Amino acid sequence: MLQEQRRDNKGEKYVIGPTGAKLTLNDLPPPGTERWVIRRKAEVVAAVRGGLLTFDEACERYRITSEEFLSWQKSIKSHGMAGLRTTRIQQYR
């Protein structure tokens, strides 16, 4: 499901994040994040889908490979947020 980028009454761009709340660039995990919990991965995927960040910007900002990002995206599409659990990766593959 492709998400649509929106603007609030102040003109700030946002998308609806994985928890159903408004997600802006300021709400995203900080650049250089090293601890990737399920919610953070899902937020980055939602931001790229919604156009807050490009695919390349996300990979550069978070120092992740394109393969890693694409695996997050595929896991969400196939299994929802639960597919992002690192302890479940082998079970879902």
PDB file of N, CA and C in Angstrom:
ATOM      1  N   MET A   1       0.836  -1.178   0.000  1.00  0.00           N
ATOM      2  CA  MET A   1       0.000   0.000   0.000  1.00  0.00           C
ATOM      3  C   MET A   1       0.884   1.245   0.000  1.00  0.00           C
ATOM      4  N   LEU A   2       0.747   2.070  -0.989  1.00  0.00           N
ATOM      5  CA  LEU A   2       1.521   3.289  -1.089  1.00  0.00           C
ATOM      6  C   LEU A   2       0.903   4.361  -0.203  1.00  0.00           C
ATOM      7  N   GLN A   3       1.742   4.999   0.605  1.00  0.00           N
ATOM      8  CA  GLN A   3       1.252   6.046   1.478  1.00  0.00           C
ATOM      9  C   GLN A   3       1.360   7.380   0.771  1.00  0.00           C
ATOM     10  N   GLU A   4       0.513   8.273   1.156  1.00  0.00           N
ATOM     11  CA  GLU A   4       0.467   9.577   0.530  1.00  0.00           C
ATOM     12  C   GLU A   4       1.035  10.626   1.472  1.00  0.00           C
ATOM     13  N   GLN A   5       1.893  11.480   0.946  1.00  0.00           N
ATOM     14  CA  GLN A   5       2.434  12.574   1.725  1.00  0.00           C
ATOM     15  C   GLN A   5       1.367  13.637   1.883  1.00  0.00           C
ATOM     16  N   ARG A   6       1.285  14.229   3.052  1.00  0.00           N
ATOM     17  CA  ARG A   6       0.294  15.263   3.339  1.00  0.00           C
ATOM     18  C   ARG A   6       0.979  16.458   3.966  1.00  0.00           C
ATOM     19  N   ARG A   7       0.228  17.531   4.124  1.00  0.00           N
ATOM     20  CA  ARG A   7       0.730  18.714   4.826  1.00  0.00           C
ATOM     21  C   ARG A   7      -0.280  19.106   5.898  1.00  0.00           C
ATOM     22  N   ASP A   8       0.248  19.500   7.061  1.00  0.00           N
ATOM     23  CA  ASP A   8      -0.657  19.946   8.119  1.00  0.00           C
ATOM     24  C   ASP A   8      -0.984  21.425   7.922  1.00  0.00           C
ATOM     25  N   ASN A   9      -1.708  22.016   8.864  1.00  0.00           N
ATOM     26  CA  ASN A   9      -2.128  23.414   8.688  1.00  0.00           C
ATOM     27  C   ASN A   9      -0.968  24.402   8.747  1.00  0.00           C
ATOM     28  N   LYS A  10       0.206  23.963   9.171  1.00  0.00           N
ATOM     29  CA  LYS A  10       1.406  24.811   9.172  1.00  0.00           C
ATOM     30  C   LYS A  10       2.247  24.590   7.918  1.00  0.00           C
ATOM     31  N   GLY A  11       1.805  23.672   7.048  1.00  0.00           N
ATOM     32  CA  GLY A  11       2.529  23.383   5.820  1.00  0.00           C
ATOM     33  C   GLY A  11       3.615  22.338   5.968  1.00  0.00           C
ATOM     34  N   GLU A  12       3.720  21.714   7.159  1.00  0.00           N
ATOM     35  CA  GLU A  12       4.743  20.698   7.385  1.00  0.00           C
ATOM     36  C   GLU A  12       4.330  19.377   6.735  1.00  0.00           C
ATOM     37  N   LYS A  13       5.264  18.768   6.011  1.00  0.00           N
ATOM     38  CA  LYS A  13       5.000  17.485   5.354  1.00  0.00           C
ATOM     39  C   LYS A  13       4.928  16.374   6.389  1.00  0.00           C
ATOM     40  N   TYR A  14       4.003  15.448   6.168  1.00  0.00           N
ATOM     41  CA  TYR A  14       3.917  14.282   7.028  1.00  0.00           C
ATOM     42  C   TYR A  14       3.250  13.122   6.300  1.00  0.00           C
ATOM     43  N   VAL A  15       3.432  11.943   6.858  1.00  0.00           N
ATOM     44  CA  VAL A  15       2.724  10.737   6.424  1.00  0.00           C
ATOM     45  C   VAL A  15       2.148  10.105   7.682  1.00  0.00           C
ATOM     46  N   ILE A  16       1.258   9.173   7.501  1.00  0.00           N
ATOM     47  CA  ILE A  16       0.753   8.424   8.643  1.00  0.00           C
ATOM     48  C   ILE A  16       1.726   7.279   8.899  1.00  0.00           C
ATOM     49  N   GLY A  17       2.264   7.238  10.098  1.00  0.00           N
ATOM     50  CA  GLY A  17       3.269   6.241  10.452  1.00  0.00           C
ATOM     51  C   GLY A  17       2.672   4.892  10.790  1.00  0.00           C
ATOM     52  N   PRO A  18       3.510   3.962  11.174  1.00  0.00           N
ATOM     53  CA  PRO A  18       3.067   2.589  11.428  1.00  0.00           C
ATOM     54  C   PRO A  18       2.118   2.454  12.621  1.00  0.00           C
ATOM     55  N   THR A  19       2.132   3.423  13.520  1.00  0.00           N
ATOM     56  CA  THR A  19       1.236   3.370  14.677  1.00  0.00           C
ATOM     57  C   THR A  19      -0.063   4.131  14.428  1.00  0.00           C
ATOM     58  N   GLY A  20      -0.189   4.729  13.235  1.00  0.00           N
ATOM     59  CA  GLY A  20      -1.386   5.506  12.909  1.00  0.00           C
ATOM     60  C   GLY A  20      -1.260   6.983  13.234  1.00  0.00           C
ATOM     61  N   ALA A  21      -0.135   7.384  13.805  1.00  0.00           N
ATOM     62  CA  ALA A  21       0.101   8.778  14.160  1.00  0.00           C
ATOM     63  C   ALA A  21       0.809   9.508  13.023  1.00  0.00           C
ATOM     64  N   LYS A  22       0.702  10.832  13.037  1.00  0.00           N
ATOM     65  CA  LYS A  22       1.387  11.679  12.062  1.00  0.00           C
ATOM     66  C   LYS A  22       2.894  11.518  12.239  1.00  0.00           C
ATOM     67  N   LEU A  23       3.608  11.386  11.121  1.00  0.00           N
ATOM     68  CA  LEU A  23       5.045  11.163  11.136  1.00  0.00           C
ATOM     69  C   LEU A  23       5.708  12.210  10.250  1.00  0.00           C
ATOM     70  N   THR A  24       6.544  13.063  10.855  1.00  0.00           N
ATOM     71  CA  THR A  24       7.283  14.089  10.121  1.00  0.00           C
ATOM     72  C   THR A  24       8.765  13.717  10.118  1.00  0.00           C
ATOM     73  N   LEU A  25       9.558  14.482   9.370  1.00  0.00           N
ATOM     74  CA  LEU A  25      11.008  14.242   9.371  1.00  0.00           C
ATOM     75  C   LEU A  25      11.585  14.330  10.781  1.00  0.00           C
ATOM     76  N   ASN A  26      11.058  15.257  11.597  1.00  0.00           N
ATOM     77  CA  ASN A  26      11.556  15.411  12.968  1.00  0.00           C
ATOM     78  C   ASN A  26      11.205  14.232  13.858  1.00  0.00           C
ATOM     79  N   ASP A  27      10.188  13.460  13.476  1.00  0.00           N
ATOM     80  CA  ASP A  27       9.770  12.303  14.264  1.00  0.00           C
ATOM     81  C   ASP A  27      10.572  11.045  13.937  1.00  0.00           C
ATOM     82  N   LEU A  28      11.306  11.075  12.845  1.00  0.00           N
ATOM     83  CA  LEU A  28      12.077   9.904  12.417  1.00  0.00           C
ATOM     84  C   LEU A  28      13.248   9.662  13.362  1.00  0.00           C
ATOM     85  N   PRO A  29      13.747   8.432  13.376  1.00  0.00           N
ATOM     86  CA  PRO A  29      14.940   8.153  14.187  1.00  0.00           C
ATOM     87  C   PRO A  29      16.081   9.090  13.777  1.00  0.00           C
ATOM     88  N   PRO A  30      16.942   9.445  14.721  1.00  0.00           N
ATOM     89  CA  PRO A  30      18.044  10.346  14.378  1.00  0.00           C
ATOM     90  C   PRO A  30      19.023   9.694  13.410  1.00  0.00           C
ATOM     91  N   PRO A  31      19.690  10.514  12.581  1.00  0.00           N
ATOM     92  CA  PRO A  31      20.714   9.963  11.679  1.00  0.00           C
ATOM     93  C   PRO A  31      21.757   9.201  12.498  1.00  0.00           C
ATOM     94  N   GLY A  32      22.245   8.130  11.918  1.00  0.00           N
ATOM     95  CA  GLY A  32      23.268   7.341  12.601  1.00  0.00           C
ATOM     96  C   GLY A  32      22.714   6.375  13.630  1.00  0.00           C
ATOM     97  N   THR A  33      21.402   6.190  13.677  1.00  0.00           N
ATOM     98  CA  THR A  33      20.799   5.250  14.618  1.00  0.00           C
ATOM     99  C   THR A  33      21.444   3.879  14.437  1.00  0.00           C
ATOM    100  N   GLU A  34      21.780   3.250  15.549  1.00  0.00           N
ATOM    101  CA  GLU A  34      22.406   1.929  15.485  1.00  0.00           C
ATOM    102  C   GLU A  34      21.498   0.843  16.044  1.00  0.00           C
ATOM    103  N   ARG A  35      20.622   1.188  16.958  1.00  0.00           N
ATOM    104  CA  ARG A  35      19.719   0.195  17.554  1.00  0.00           C
ATOM    105  C   ARG A  35      18.384   0.263  16.821  1.00  0.00           C
ATOM    106  N   TRP A  36      18.097  -0.758  16.043  1.00  0.00           N
ATOM    107  CA  TRP A  36      16.921  -0.758  15.179  1.00  0.00           C
ATOM    108  C   TRP A  36      15.803  -1.628  15.747  1.00  0.00           C
ATOM    109  N   VAL A  37      14.923  -0.997  16.511  1.00  0.00           N
ATOM    110  CA  VAL A  37      13.734  -1.695  16.999  1.00  0.00           C
ATOM    111  C   VAL A  37      12.686  -1.691  15.885  1.00  0.00           C
ATOM    112  N   ILE A  38      11.701  -2.524  16.033  1.00  0.00           N
ATOM    113  CA  ILE A  38      10.673  -2.689  15.004  1.00  0.00           C
ATOM    114  C   ILE A  38      10.059  -1.352  14.599  1.00  0.00           C
ATOM    115  N   ARG A  39       9.657  -0.546  15.558  1.00  0.00           N
ATOM    116  CA  ARG A  39       8.982   0.722  15.269  1.00  0.00           C
ATOM    117  C   ARG A  39       9.857   1.641  14.424  1.00  0.00           C
ATOM    118  N   ARG A  40      11.132   1.729  14.733  1.00  0.00           N
ATOM    119  CA  ARG A  40      12.026   2.613  13.980  1.00  0.00           C
ATOM    120  C   ARG A  40      12.155   2.162  12.529  1.00  0.00           C
ATOM    121  N   LYS A  41      12.310   0.864  12.316  1.00  0.00           N
ATOM    122  CA  LYS A  41      12.395   0.345  10.954  1.00  0.00           C
ATOM    123  C   LYS A  41      11.119   0.680  10.191  1.00  0.00           C
ATOM    124  N   ALA A  42       9.980   0.450  10.817  1.00  0.00           N
ATOM    125  CA  ALA A  42       8.693   0.707  10.172  1.00  0.00           C
ATOM    126  C   ALA A  42       8.503   2.196   9.881  1.00  0.00           C
ATOM    127  N   GLU A  43       8.991   3.071  10.746  1.00  0.00           N
ATOM    128  CA  GLU A  43       8.890   4.509  10.507  1.00  0.00           C
ATOM    129  C   GLU A  43       9.699   4.926   9.286  1.00  0.00           C
ATOM    130  N   VAL A  44      10.898   4.392   9.148  1.00  0.00           N
ATOM    131  CA  VAL A  44      11.735   4.732   7.997  1.00  0.00           C
ATOM    132  C   VAL A  44      11.088   4.230   6.706  1.00  0.00           C
ATOM    133  N   VAL A  45      10.555   3.020   6.719  1.00  0.00           N
ATOM    134  CA  VAL A  45       9.877   2.497   5.533  1.00  0.00           C
ATOM    135  C   VAL A  45       8.667   3.374   5.189  1.00  0.00           C
ATOM    136  N   ALA A  46       7.880   3.761   6.189  1.00  0.00           N
ATOM    137  CA  ALA A  46       6.714   4.618   5.951  1.00  0.00           C
ATOM    138  C   ALA A  46       7.137   5.975   5.383  1.00  0.00           C
ATOM    139  N   ALA A  47       8.236   6.525   5.875  1.00  0.00           N
ATOM    140  CA  ALA A  47       8.714   7.823   5.394  1.00  0.00           C
ATOM    141  C   ALA A  47       9.121   7.748   3.925  1.00  0.00           C
ATOM    142  N   VAL A  48       9.783   6.670   3.536  1.00  0.00           N
ATOM    143  CA  VAL A  48      10.187   6.511   2.139  1.00  0.00           C
ATOM    144  C   VAL A  48       8.953   6.289   1.268  1.00  0.00           C
ATOM    145  N   ARG A  49       8.056   5.431   1.700  1.00  0.00           N
ATOM    146  CA  ARG A  49       6.827   5.187   0.931  1.00  0.00           C
ATOM    147  C   ARG A  49       6.021   6.466   0.738  1.00  0.00           C
ATOM    148  N   GLY A  50       6.013   7.308   1.754  1.00  0.00           N
ATOM    149  CA  GLY A  50       5.229   8.533   1.695  1.00  0.00           C
ATOM    150  C   GLY A  50       5.939   9.713   1.068  1.00  0.00           C
ATOM    151  N   GLY A  51       7.217   9.566   0.773  1.00  0.00           N
ATOM    152  CA  GLY A  51       7.950  10.634   0.112  1.00  0.00           C
ATOM    153  C   GLY A  51       8.621  11.637   1.029  1.00  0.00           C
ATOM    154  N   LEU A  52       8.671  11.368   2.334  1.00  0.00           N
ATOM    155  CA  LEU A  52       9.397  12.273   3.230  1.00  0.00           C
ATOM    156  C   LEU A  52      10.895  12.190   2.991  1.00  0.00           C
ATOM    157  N   LEU A  53      11.355  10.991   2.657  1.00  0.00           N
ATOM    158  CA  LEU A  53      12.755  10.738   2.312  1.00  0.00           C
ATOM    159  C   LEU A  53      12.767   9.906   1.039  1.00  0.00           C
ATOM    160  N   THR A  54      13.809  10.068   0.268  1.00  0.00           N
ATOM    161  CA  THR A  54      13.979   9.159  -0.861  1.00  0.00           C
ATOM    162  C   THR A  54      14.660   7.894  -0.346  1.00  0.00           C
ATOM    163  N   PHE A  55      14.622   6.867  -1.143  1.00  0.00           N
ATOM    164  CA  PHE A  55      15.292   5.612  -0.819  1.00  0.00           C
ATOM    165  C   PHE A  55      16.776   5.879  -0.541  1.00  0.00           C
ATOM    166  N   ASP A  56      17.425   6.631  -1.435  1.00  0.00           N
ATOM    167  CA  ASP A  56      18.855   6.914  -1.285  1.00  0.00           C
ATOM    168  C   ASP A  56      19.133   7.745  -0.038  1.00  0.00           C
ATOM    169  N   GLU A  57      18.267   8.730   0.244  1.00  0.00           N
ATOM    170  CA  GLU A  57      18.443   9.549   1.446  1.00  0.00           C
ATOM    171  C   GLU A  57      18.343   8.704   2.708  1.00  0.00           C
ATOM    172  N   ALA A  58      17.400   7.782   2.736  1.00  0.00           N
ATOM    173  CA  ALA A  58      17.236   6.923   3.910  1.00  0.00           C
ATOM    174  C   ALA A  58      18.465   6.045   4.119  1.00  0.00           C
ATOM    175  N   CYS A  59      18.956   5.436   3.049  1.00  0.00           N
ATOM    176  CA  CYS A  59      20.138   4.578   3.162  1.00  0.00           C
ATOM    177  C   CYS A  59      21.347   5.366   3.635  1.00  0.00           C
ATOM    178  N   GLU A  60      21.517   6.566   3.117  1.00  0.00           N
ATOM    179  CA  GLU A  60      22.659   7.394   3.514  1.00  0.00           C
ATOM    180  C   GLU A  60      22.496   7.900   4.945  1.00  0.00           C
ATOM    181  N   ARG A  61      21.322   8.424   5.256  1.00  0.00           N
ATOM    182  CA  ARG A  61      21.063   8.997   6.584  1.00  0.00           C
ATOM    183  C   ARG A  61      21.275   7.973   7.693  1.00  0.00           C
ATOM    184  N   TYR A  62      20.839   6.736   7.440  1.00  0.00           N
ATOM    185  CA  TYR A  62      20.909   5.709   8.474  1.00  0.00           C
ATOM    186  C   TYR A  62      22.046   4.717   8.284  1.00  0.00           C
ATOM    187  N   ARG A  63      22.870   4.944   7.270  1.00  0.00           N
ATOM    188  CA  ARG A  63      24.019   4.087   6.998  1.00  0.00           C
ATOM    189  C   ARG A  63      23.607   2.619   6.925  1.00  0.00           C
ATOM    190  N   ILE A  64      22.564   2.371   6.124  1.00  0.00           N
ATOM    191  CA  ILE A  64      22.099   1.005   5.896  1.00  0.00           C
ATOM    192  C   ILE A  64      22.251   0.700   4.410  1.00  0.00           C
ATOM    193  N   THR A  65      22.374  -0.560   4.103  1.00  0.00           N
ATOM    194  CA  THR A  65      22.499  -0.947   2.699  1.00  0.00           C
ATOM    195  C   THR A  65      21.120  -0.957   2.049  1.00  0.00           C
ATOM    196  N   SER A  66      21.119  -0.884   0.744  1.00  0.00           N
ATOM    197  CA  SER A  66      19.851  -0.949   0.019  1.00  0.00           C
ATOM    198  C   SER A  66      19.184  -2.303   0.279  1.00  0.00           C
ATOM    199  N   GLU A  67      19.979  -3.357   0.383  1.00  0.00           N
ATOM    200  CA  GLU A  67      19.440  -4.689   0.659  1.00  0.00           C
ATOM    201  C   GLU A  67      18.746  -4.739   2.011  1.00  0.00           C
ATOM    202  N   GLU A  68      19.345  -4.076   3.006  1.00  0.00           N
ATOM    203  CA  GLU A  68      18.746  -4.071   4.335  1.00  0.00           C
ATOM    204  C   GLU A  68      17.404  -3.345   4.318  1.00  0.00           C
ATOM    205  N   PHE A  69      17.369  -2.158   3.697  1.00  0.00           N
ATOM    206  CA  PHE A  69      16.108  -1.429   3.616  1.00  0.00           C
ATOM    207  C   PHE A  69      15.054  -2.232   2.868  1.00  0.00           C
ATOM    208  N   LEU A  70      15.442  -2.810   1.731  1.00  0.00           N
ATOM    209  CA  LEU A  70      14.484  -3.581   0.941  1.00  0.00           C
ATOM    210  C   LEU A  70      13.972  -4.799   1.709  1.00  0.00           C
ATOM    211  N   SER A  71      14.810  -5.374   2.565  1.00  0.00           N
ATOM    212  CA  SER A  71      14.350  -6.513   3.370  1.00  0.00           C
ATOM    213  C   SER A  71      13.318  -6.053   4.399  1.00  0.00           C
ATOM    214  N   TRP A  72      13.502  -4.842   4.958  1.00  0.00           N
ATOM    215  CA  TRP A  72      12.499  -4.294   5.884  1.00  0.00           C
ATOM    216  C   TRP A  72      11.178  -4.106   5.154  1.00  0.00           C
ATOM    217  N   GLN A  73      11.270  -3.518   3.979  1.00  0.00           N
ATOM    218  CA  GLN A  73      10.069  -3.239   3.188  1.00  0.00           C
ATOM    219  C   GLN A  73       9.334  -4.541   2.836  1.00  0.00           C
ATOM    220  N   LYS A  74      10.088  -5.527   2.420  1.00  0.00           N
ATOM    221  CA  LYS A  74       9.500  -6.815   2.050  1.00  0.00           C
ATOM    222  C   LYS A  74       8.869  -7.496   3.270  1.00  0.00           C
ATOM    223  N   SER A  75       9.533  -7.432   4.404  1.00  0.00           N
ATOM    224  CA  SER A  75       9.013  -8.049   5.624  1.00  0.00           C
ATOM    225  C   SER A  75       7.696  -7.419   6.051  1.00  0.00           C
ATOM    226  N   ILE A  76       7.622  -6.091   5.954  1.00  0.00           N
ATOM    227  CA  ILE A  76       6.380  -5.397   6.317  1.00  0.00           C
ATOM    228  C   ILE A  76       5.263  -5.791   5.363  1.00  0.00           C
ATOM    229  N   LYS A  77       5.574  -5.827   4.084  1.00  0.00           N
ATOM    230  CA  LYS A  77       4.559  -6.173   3.090  1.00  0.00           C
ATOM    231  C   LYS A  77       4.049  -7.601   3.293  1.00  0.00           C
ATOM    232  N   SER A  78       4.944  -8.523   3.593  1.00  0.00           N
ATOM    233  CA  SER A  78       4.572  -9.933   3.720  1.00  0.00           C
ATOM    234  C   SER A  78       3.984 -10.304   5.080  1.00  0.00           C
ATOM    235  N   HIS A  79       4.517  -9.695   6.158  1.00  0.00           N
ATOM    236  CA  HIS A  79       4.165 -10.149   7.497  1.00  0.00           C
ATOM    237  C   HIS A  79       3.790  -9.032   8.465  1.00  0.00           C
ATOM    238  N   GLY A  80       3.665  -7.808   7.984  1.00  0.00           N
ATOM    239  CA  GLY A  80       3.372  -6.692   8.880  1.00  0.00           C
ATOM    240  C   GLY A  80       4.580  -6.366   9.735  1.00  0.00           C
ATOM    241  N   MET A  81       4.361  -5.551  10.742  1.00  0.00           N
ATOM    242  CA  MET A  81       5.472  -5.136  11.600  1.00  0.00           C
ATOM    243  C   MET A  81       6.131  -6.314  12.305  1.00  0.00           C
ATOM    244  N   ALA A  82       5.390  -7.373  12.575  1.00  0.00           N
ATOM    245  CA  ALA A  82       5.971  -8.545  13.243  1.00  0.00           C
ATOM    246  C   ALA A  82       7.093  -9.157  12.416  1.00  0.00           C
ATOM    247  N   GLY A  83       7.052  -8.972  11.096  1.00  0.00           N
ATOM    248  CA  GLY A  83       8.098  -9.501  10.233  1.00  0.00           C
ATOM    249  C   GLY A  83       9.442  -8.834  10.425  1.00  0.00           C
ATOM    250  N   LEU A  84       9.452  -7.702  11.127  1.00  0.00           N
ATOM    251  CA  LEU A  84      10.697  -6.969  11.362  1.00  0.00           C
ATOM    252  C   LEU A  84      11.457  -7.462  12.592  1.00  0.00           C
ATOM    253  N   ARG A  85      10.864  -8.358  13.334  1.00  0.00           N
ATOM    254  CA  ARG A  85      11.550  -8.878  14.525  1.00  0.00           C
ATOM    255  C   ARG A  85      12.766  -9.675  14.096  1.00  0.00           C
ATOM    256  N   THR A  86      13.910  -9.314  14.622  1.00  0.00           N
ATOM    257  CA  THR A  86      15.143 -10.006  14.235  1.00  0.00           C
ATOM    258  C   THR A  86      15.136 -11.448  14.690  1.00  0.00           C
ATOM    259  N   THR A  87      14.438 -11.753  15.760  1.00  0.00           N
ATOM    260  CA  THR A  87      14.404 -13.131  16.240  1.00  0.00           C
ATOM    261  C   THR A  87      13.495 -14.000  15.383  1.00  0.00           C
ATOM    262  N   ARG A  88      12.689 -13.399  14.531  1.00  0.00           N
ATOM    263  CA  ARG A  88      11.748 -14.136  13.698  1.00  0.00           C
ATOM    264  C   ARG A  88      12.156 -14.189  12.232  1.00  0.00           C
ATOM    265  N   ILE A  89      13.260 -13.568  11.871  1.00  0.00           N
ATOM    266  CA  ILE A  89      13.643 -13.475  10.465  1.00  0.00           C
ATOM    267  C   ILE A  89      13.704 -14.852   9.814  1.00  0.00           C
ATOM    268  N   GLN A  90      14.343 -15.810  10.438  1.00  0.00           N
ATOM    269  CA  GLN A  90      14.468 -17.132   9.821  1.00  0.00           C
ATOM    270  C   GLN A  90      13.109 -17.801   9.641  1.00  0.00           C
ATOM    271  N   GLN A  91      12.223 -17.590  10.592  1.00  0.00           N
ATOM    272  CA  GLN A  91      10.889 -18.193  10.511  1.00  0.00           C
ATOM    273  C   GLN A  91      10.098 -17.625   9.325  1.00  0.00           C
ATOM    274  N   TYR A  92      10.249 -16.352   9.026  1.00  0.00           N
ATOM    275  CA  TYR A  92       9.483 -15.689   7.985  1.00  0.00           C
ATOM    276  C   TYR A  92      10.084 -15.863   6.599  1.00  0.00           C
ATOM    277  N   ARG A  93      11.327 -16.251   6.505  1.00  0.00           N
ATOM    278  CA  ARG A  93      11.972 -16.360   5.193  1.00  0.00           C
ATOM    279  C   ARG A  93      11.599 -17.601   4.474  1.00  0.00           C
TER     280      ARG A  93
END
